[in-house]
Amino acid sequence: MKKNEFKDRLFHVPNDMDNLPVQDIMADDKYNMVNVNLMHGTRFSVYVENCGKWFICEV
């Protein structure tokens, strides 16, 4: 799977979840990030890189 296809699919995941209070989803192609803003003010950023491994960082 190519990186852009993965980012496109990742963009749709929060939209498909009815129980997640998503306010806004923004894709930043320049920095390979998907930012998910929730209704109560929390923001999660997902960095996407095709390097053969994955990890989650709290920043």
PDB file of N, CA and C in Angstrom:
ATOM      1  N   MET A   1       0.848  -1.169   0.000  1.00  0.00           N
ATOM      2  CA  MET A   1       0.000   0.000   0.000  1.00  0.00           C
ATOM      3  C   MET A   1       0.900   1.240   0.000  1.00  0.00           C
ATOM      4  N   LYS A   2       0.574   2.188  -0.813  1.00  0.00           N
ATOM      5  CA  LYS A   2       1.339   3.435  -0.894  1.00  0.00           C
ATOM      6  C   LYS A   2       0.957   4.361   0.252  1.00  0.00           C
ATOM      7  N   LYS A   3       1.857   5.279   0.586  1.00  0.00           N
ATOM      8  CA  LYS A   3       1.656   6.196   1.708  1.00  0.00           C
ATOM      9  C   LYS A   3       0.398   7.049   1.534  1.00  0.00           C
ATOM     10  N   ASN A   4       0.173   7.597   0.355  1.00  0.00           N
ATOM     11  CA  ASN A   4      -0.996   8.461   0.147  1.00  0.00           C
ATOM     12  C   ASN A   4      -2.305   7.685   0.257  1.00  0.00           C
ATOM     13  N   GLU A   5      -2.318   6.446  -0.202  1.00  0.00           N
ATOM     14  CA  GLU A   5      -3.519   5.622  -0.049  1.00  0.00           C
ATOM     15  C   GLU A   5      -3.804   5.365   1.426  1.00  0.00           C
ATOM     16  N   PHE A   6      -2.761   5.092   2.198  1.00  0.00           N
ATOM     17  CA  PHE A   6      -2.925   4.870   3.635  1.00  0.00           C
ATOM     18  C   PHE A   6      -3.472   6.122   4.314  1.00  0.00           C
ATOM     19  N   LYS A   7      -2.919   7.297   3.976  1.00  0.00           N
ATOM     20  CA  LYS A   7      -3.404   8.554   4.572  1.00  0.00           C
ATOM     21  C   LYS A   7      -4.866   8.796   4.213  1.00  0.00           C
ATOM     22  N   ASP A   8      -5.253   8.493   2.983  1.00  0.00           N
ATOM     23  CA  ASP A   8      -6.653   8.653   2.579  1.00  0.00           C
ATOM     24  C   ASP A   8      -7.571   7.750   3.401  1.00  0.00           C
ATOM     25  N   ARG A   9      -7.168   6.510   3.599  1.00  0.00           N
ATOM     26  CA  ARG A   9      -7.977   5.580   4.395  1.00  0.00           C
ATOM     27  C   ARG A   9      -8.013   6.003   5.859  1.00  0.00           C
ATOM     28  N   LEU A  10      -6.890   6.450   6.378  1.00  0.00           N
ATOM     29  CA  LEU A  10      -6.819   6.911   7.764  1.00  0.00           C
ATOM     30  C   LEU A  10      -7.723   8.115   7.983  1.00  0.00           C
ATOM     31  N   PHE A  11      -7.831   8.978   7.002  1.00  0.00           N
ATOM     32  CA  PHE A  11      -8.685  10.164   7.080  1.00  0.00           C
ATOM     33  C   PHE A  11     -10.147   9.779   7.311  1.00  0.00           C
ATOM     34  N   HIS A  12     -10.589   8.656   6.744  1.00  0.00           N
ATOM     35  CA  HIS A  12     -11.989   8.245   6.840  1.00  0.00           C
ATOM     36  C   HIS A  12     -12.329   7.482   8.114  1.00  0.00           C
ATOM     37  N   VAL A  13     -11.349   6.951   8.816  1.00  0.00           N
ATOM     38  CA  VAL A  13     -11.623   6.143  10.011  1.00  0.00           C
ATOM     39  C   VAL A  13     -12.397   6.926  11.077  1.00  0.00           C
ATOM     40  N   PRO A  14     -11.946   8.108  11.524  1.00  0.00           N
ATOM     41  CA  PRO A  14     -12.720   8.826  12.556  1.00  0.00           C
ATOM     42  C   PRO A  14     -14.113   9.226  12.079  1.00  0.00           C
ATOM     43  N   ASN A  15     -14.291   9.504  10.806  1.00  0.00           N
ATOM     44  CA  ASN A  15     -15.611   9.863  10.281  1.00  0.00           C
ATOM     45  C   ASN A  15     -16.589   8.703  10.367  1.00  0.00           C
ATOM     46  N   ASP A  16     -16.094   7.487  10.264  1.00  0.00           N
ATOM     47  CA  ASP A  16     -16.953   6.306  10.278  1.00  0.00           C
ATOM     48  C   ASP A  16     -17.311   5.843  11.685  1.00  0.00           C
ATOM     49  N   MET A  17     -16.734   6.449  12.714  1.00  0.00           N
ATOM     50  CA  MET A  17     -17.009   6.042  14.092  1.00  0.00           C
ATOM     51  C   MET A  17     -18.069   6.964  14.700  1.00  0.00           C
ATOM     52  N   ASP A  18     -19.225   6.409  14.985  1.00  0.00           N
ATOM     53  CA  ASP A  18     -20.335   7.197  15.520  1.00  0.00           C
ATOM     54  C   ASP A  18     -20.109   7.660  16.955  1.00  0.00           C
ATOM     55  N   ASN A  19     -19.365   6.896  17.745  1.00  0.00           N
ATOM     56  CA  ASN A  19     -19.202   7.217  19.159  1.00  0.00           C
ATOM     57  C   ASN A  19     -17.999   8.115  19.456  1.00  0.00           C
ATOM     58  N   LEU A  20     -17.274   8.560  18.442  1.00  0.00           N
ATOM     59  CA  LEU A  20     -16.125   9.435  18.629  1.00  0.00           C
ATOM     60  C   LEU A  20     -16.546  10.872  18.316  1.00  0.00           C
ATOM     61  N   PRO A  21     -16.439  11.789  19.290  1.00  0.00           N
ATOM     62  CA  PRO A  21     -16.921  13.169  19.100  1.00  0.00           C
ATOM     63  C   PRO A  21     -15.967  14.019  18.258  1.00  0.00           C
ATOM     64  N   VAL A  22     -15.871  13.716  16.971  1.00  0.00           N
ATOM     65  CA  VAL A  22     -14.951  14.415  16.074  1.00  0.00           C
ATOM     66  C   VAL A  22     -15.536  15.769  15.683  1.00  0.00           C
ATOM     67  N   GLN A  23     -14.745  16.813  15.880  1.00  0.00           N
ATOM     68  CA  GLN A  23     -15.140  18.143  15.450  1.00  0.00           C
ATOM     69  C   GLN A  23     -14.617  18.441  14.045  1.00  0.00           C
ATOM     70  N   ASP A  24     -13.340  18.077  13.794  1.00  0.00           N
ATOM     71  CA  ASP A  24     -12.723  18.391  12.518  1.00  0.00           C
ATOM     72  C   ASP A  24     -11.571  17.428  12.256  1.00  0.00           C
ATOM     73  N   ILE A  25     -11.349  17.115  10.998  1.00  0.00           N
ATOM     74  CA  ILE A  25     -10.203  16.304  10.575  1.00  0.00           C
ATOM     75  C   ILE A  25      -9.491  17.084   9.485  1.00  0.00           C
ATOM     76  N   MET A  26      -8.193  17.283   9.675  1.00  0.00           N
ATOM     77  CA  MET A  26      -7.418  18.029   8.696  1.00  0.00           C
ATOM     78  C   MET A  26      -6.199  17.214   8.286  1.00  0.00           C
ATOM     79  N   ALA A  27      -6.019  17.061   6.984  1.00  0.00           N
ATOM     80  CA  ALA A  27      -4.842  16.377   6.459  1.00  0.00           C
ATOM     81  C   ALA A  27      -3.816  17.425   6.046  1.00  0.00           C
ATOM     82  N   ASP A  28      -2.594  17.239   6.488  1.00  0.00           N
ATOM     83  CA  ASP A  28      -1.498  18.142   6.150  1.00  0.00           C
ATOM     84  C   ASP A  28      -0.499  17.343   5.310  1.00  0.00           C
ATOM     85  N   ASP A  29      -0.673  17.397   3.991  1.00  0.00           N
ATOM     86  CA  ASP A  29       0.162  16.599   3.093  1.00  0.00           C
ATOM     87  C   ASP A  29       1.618  17.029   3.101  1.00  0.00           C
ATOM     88  N   LYS A  30       1.875  18.288   3.371  1.00  0.00           N
ATOM     89  CA  LYS A  30       3.257  18.777   3.390  1.00  0.00           C
ATOM     90  C   LYS A  30       4.073  18.071   4.479  1.00  0.00           C
ATOM     91  N   TYR A  31       3.452  17.854   5.644  1.00  0.00           N
ATOM     92  CA  TYR A  31       4.145  17.243   6.778  1.00  0.00           C
ATOM     93  C   TYR A  31       3.703  15.801   7.038  1.00  0.00           C
ATOM     94  N   ASN A  32       2.900  15.217   6.117  1.00  0.00           N
ATOM     95  CA  ASN A  32       2.436  13.834   6.236  1.00  0.00           C
ATOM     96  C   ASN A  32       1.712  13.583   7.556  1.00  0.00           C
ATOM     97  N   MET A  33       0.840  14.508   7.929  1.00  0.00           N
ATOM     98  CA  MET A  33       0.104  14.421   9.190  1.00  0.00           C
ATOM     99  C   MET A  33      -1.393  14.392   8.928  1.00  0.00           C
ATOM    100  N   VAL A  34      -2.117  13.713   9.807  1.00  0.00           N
ATOM    101  CA  VAL A  34      -3.571  13.785   9.863  1.00  0.00           C
ATOM    102  C   VAL A  34      -3.905  14.241  11.277  1.00  0.00           C
ATOM    103  N   ASN A  35      -4.558  15.408  11.399  1.00  0.00           N
ATOM    104  CA  ASN A  35      -4.920  15.972  12.700  1.00  0.00           C
ATOM    105  C   ASN A  35      -6.409  15.776  12.932  1.00  0.00           C
ATOM    106  N   VAL A  36      -6.750  15.210  14.089  1.00  0.00           N
ATOM    107  CA  VAL A  36      -8.140  14.964  14.455  1.00  0.00           C
ATOM    108  C   VAL A  36      -8.447  15.800  15.690  1.00  0.00           C
ATOM    109  N   ASN A  37      -9.367  16.757  15.548  1.00  0.00           N
ATOM    110  CA  ASN A  37      -9.804  17.601  16.662  1.00  0.00           C
ATOM    111  C   ASN A  37     -11.123  17.065  17.193  1.00  0.00           C
ATOM    112  N   LEU A  38     -11.189  16.845  18.504  1.00  0.00           N
ATOM    113  CA  LEU A  38     -12.408  16.352  19.128  1.00  0.00           C
ATOM    114  C   LEU A  38     -13.220  17.518  19.698  1.00  0.00           C
ATOM    115  N   MET A  39     -14.495  17.268  19.963  1.00  0.00           N
ATOM    116  CA  MET A  39     -15.423  18.303  20.417  1.00  0.00           C
ATOM    117  C   MET A  39     -14.972  19.001  21.702  1.00  0.00           C
ATOM    118  N   HIS A  40     -14.348  18.280  22.620  1.00  0.00           N
ATOM    119  CA  HIS A  40     -13.966  18.860  23.903  1.00  0.00           C
ATOM    120  C   HIS A  40     -12.575  19.495  23.900  1.00  0.00           C
ATOM    121  N   GLY A  41     -11.974  19.652  22.717  1.00  0.00           N
ATOM    122  CA  GLY A  41     -10.723  20.397  22.612  1.00  0.00           C
ATOM    123  C   GLY A  41      -9.458  19.578  22.468  1.00  0.00           C
ATOM    124  N   THR A  42      -9.548  18.281  22.587  1.00  0.00           N
ATOM    125  CA  THR A  42      -8.371  17.427  22.433  1.00  0.00           C
ATOM    126  C   THR A  42      -8.033  17.284  20.958  1.00  0.00           C
ATOM    127  N   ARG A  43      -6.728  17.293  20.652  1.00  0.00           N
ATOM    128  CA  ARG A  43      -6.276  17.084  19.275  1.00  0.00           C
ATOM    129  C   ARG A  43      -5.298  15.928  19.242  1.00  0.00           C
ATOM    130  N   PHE A  44      -5.478  15.057  18.277  1.00  0.00           N
ATOM    131  CA  PHE A  44      -4.556  13.965  18.026  1.00  0.00           C
ATOM    132  C   PHE A  44      -3.956  14.161  16.642  1.00  0.00           C
ATOM    133  N   SER A  45      -2.641  13.997  16.542  1.00  0.00           N
ATOM    134  CA  SER A  45      -1.941  14.108  15.267  1.00  0.00           C
ATOM    135  C   SER A  45      -1.301  12.769  14.951  1.00  0.00           C
ATOM    136  N   VAL A  46      -1.503  12.309  13.734  1.00  0.00           N
ATOM    137  CA  VAL A  46      -0.933  11.044  13.286  1.00  0.00           C
ATOM    138  C   VAL A  46       0.053  11.360  12.173  1.00  0.00           C
ATOM    139  N   TYR A  47       1.301  10.971  12.374  1.00  0.00           N
ATOM    140  CA  TYR A  47       2.346  11.149  11.375  1.00  0.00           C
ATOM    141  C   TYR A  47       2.442   9.881  10.550  1.00  0.00           C
ATOM    142  N   VAL A  48       2.441  10.005   9.243  1.00  0.00           N
ATOM    143  CA  VAL A  48       2.448   8.851   8.357  1.00  0.00           C
ATOM    144  C   VAL A  48       3.761   8.827   7.579  1.00  0.00           C
ATOM    145  N   GLU A  49       4.467   7.687   7.688  1.00  0.00           N
ATOM    146  CA  GLU A  49       5.725   7.504   6.964  1.00  0.00           C
ATOM    147  C   GLU A  49       5.816   6.049   6.547  1.00  0.00           C
ATOM    148  N   ASN A  50       6.202   5.794   5.332  1.00  0.00           N
ATOM    149  CA  ASN A  50       6.344   4.439   4.836  1.00  0.00           C
ATOM    150  C   ASN A  50       7.782   3.993   5.084  1.00  0.00           C
ATOM    151  N   CYS A  51       8.002   3.373   6.259  1.00  0.00           N
ATOM    152  CA  CYS A  51       9.366   2.975   6.595  1.00  0.00           C
ATOM    153  C   CYS A  51       9.442   1.519   7.073  1.00  0.00           C
ATOM    154  N   GLY A  52       8.353   0.769   6.953  1.00  0.00           N
ATOM    155  CA  GLY A  52       8.372  -0.643   7.329  1.00  0.00           C
ATOM    156  C   GLY A  52       8.127  -0.913   8.788  1.00  0.00           C
ATOM    157  N   LYS A  53       7.814   0.099   9.592  1.00  0.00           N
ATOM    158  CA  LYS A  53       7.494  -0.092  11.002  1.00  0.00           C
ATOM    159  C   LYS A  53       6.515   0.980  11.430  1.00  0.00           C
ATOM    160  N   TRP A  54       5.924   0.832  12.610  1.00  0.00           N
ATOM    161  CA  TRP A  54       4.982   1.830  13.082  1.00  0.00           C
ATOM    162  C   TRP A  54       5.188   2.064  14.570  1.00  0.00           C
ATOM    163  N   PHE A  55       4.793   3.226  15.019  1.00  0.00           N
ATOM    164  CA  PHE A  55       4.857   3.569  16.441  1.00  0.00           C
ATOM    165  C   PHE A  55       3.917   4.722  16.719  1.00  0.00           C
ATOM    166  N   ILE A  56       3.552   4.878  17.973  1.00  0.00           N
ATOM    167  CA  ILE A  56       2.678   5.977  18.405  1.00  0.00           C
ATOM    168  C   ILE A  56       3.460   6.828  19.397  1.00  0.00           C
ATOM    169  N   CYS A  57       3.480   8.127  19.165  1.00  0.00           N
ATOM    170  CA  CYS A  57       4.199   9.041  20.046  1.00  0.00           C
ATOM    171  C   CYS A  57       3.237  10.030  20.674  1.00  0.00           C
ATOM    172  N   GLU A  58       3.425  10.313  21.945  1.00  0.00           N
ATOM    173  CA  GLU A  58       2.675  11.372  22.582  1.00  0.00           C
ATOM    174  C   GLU A  58       3.541  12.619  22.553  1.00  0.00           C
ATOM    175  N   VAL A  59       3.013  13.689  21.946  1.00  0.00           N
ATOM    176  CA  VAL A  59       3.803  14.919  21.814  1.00  0.00           C
ATOM    177  C   VAL A  59       3.109  16.079  22.494  1.00  0.00           C
TER     178      VAL A  59
END
